[in-house]
Amino acid sequence: MKQGWQFRTAMRKVGREDFGAPGAASSRKWTATAALLAMAVAIPLWAQQSRVYRDGNSWVEETTGTLPASRQVRITTDLGSVQVRGSSPRLTYIIRKRSYAPSQEAARRQFEQMHISTIRNAEGDFIEGRLATRNLNRFSAEFLVEIPRELEMVRVETRSGALDFSSIVATVLGATGAGSVTLDNLDGSVKITSGGGNVEVGRLGSDFSLITAGGDVHIKNAAGQMHINIGGGKVYVGSMKGGYIQTGAGNIDVRKCGGDLGVSSGGGNLNLGDVSGAVVAGTTGGSVHLDSAKGRVQVSTGGGSVDLFNLSQGAQVETGAGRITAEFVGKRGSFADSSLHTAAGDVIVYLPKELPVTVHASSDMATGHGIASEFTGLRITKEDNNFAPRSMYAEGSLNGGGPVLKVRTIMGQIDFRQSHWQAH
């Protein structure tokens, strides 16, 4: 506002004294006028205000301002949390620097160590926070930014601080050195990288990529393809279209997946609900549970039980130690070659009564009843050995034979049972 007043005053002075003057004097005065016009172009067309006030045991410097709407927004800061909302026809911002210095003068000296700049050019709107020193103690900052909902891209980078995005249609790119991440009501693709912190996700309408060094991840609904890679932490997903989830250590819980699903944990349980596609699941140590899958299933665990239900196609399962329960409900023509193998544990297999399948089963050191079957087409034999444990085998072609089902336990018993319902 002060710059604008100075410009108008100077222009009035030029108008009174310079316009119409002849000769060299006139040329010099026109040069001065051009310089003032250039200054006018550089003057922002938006308003910005700052104030310092006391807030509890801290001092706050609050800066508010606006920028004309642009197709892209970029916010970069050395320090501070950033919150972006798609709720304004133009870009508006509130930036709060917070100091816990003992006096207002000391706080102001800290405020001067963090420079805030706002720029609009042909590429978009830019907000930048730069520290003059890394030795600011008991000091923080937060950026609250409102933007038009429909943009091309929003990019936010902070060296340390939380990220919060909501109600945005644009592509969202976010990065934090350390801090929590909150996402909700985002319709564009989202890519987040974090040095560590919990991630909370509401509704995502497109693809989602997350790479973080550590922290728990909670996702309610992701309509696009999802790729999550975290160094360590639990992952919960309510609903997803499809994708891959990997954690270095921690449980993975997916309630519903509309396509193919891949999950991997360095040491945790895998609890999977209804999957409309194929499943690839692996954990170095933990149990695996699956409610249903319409595609092929592949499961491996270094040591833990495996419970798979409502399998429309075949399954490949291997566990270093633990029981296996597998329920196949596929119809004729959908079942594929399958293998169930555990080093130590019982195996229970449910098969449709009229499913054509060829069975090869063995227990190297059978326990309990060894191998039992509700199907008359299986021939069960055992080694002639007076000393336990003994080896047992089951061979047979059910309903004329079909894809091969191999079942093996090194130590345990095997049961073949009839499943009570067919897949629709």
Foldseek 3Di string as FASTA:
>chain_A
DVLVVVLVVVVVVLVVPAPPDDDPSNVVSVVVVVVSVVVVVVDAPKDKDWDWDDDVQKIKIKMKMWHAADQEEEEEEAFAEEAEEQDDATKIKIKIKIANDNDPVVVVVQVVQWDWDWDQDPVGTYIYIYGNDPPGPRIHMYMYMYHHQEHAEYEYEYAAYEYHYENHAYEYEYEYAAYEYEYEHYQHEYEYEYAEDEYEYEEYNEEYEYEYAYYEYEYEYHEYEYHEEYAAYEYEYAEYAEYEYEYAAYEYEYAYYNEEYEYEYAEYEYHEEEYAYEYEYEYAYYEYEYHAYAYEYEYEYAAYEYEEEHYQEEYEYEYAEYEYEYEYQHDEPRYAAYEYEYAYYEYEYADAQQYWAWEKEKEQFEPDPAEEEPDPFKDKDWDPDPDHRTMIIITGTHNNHDHYYYYYYPYYHYYYHYDDHHDD
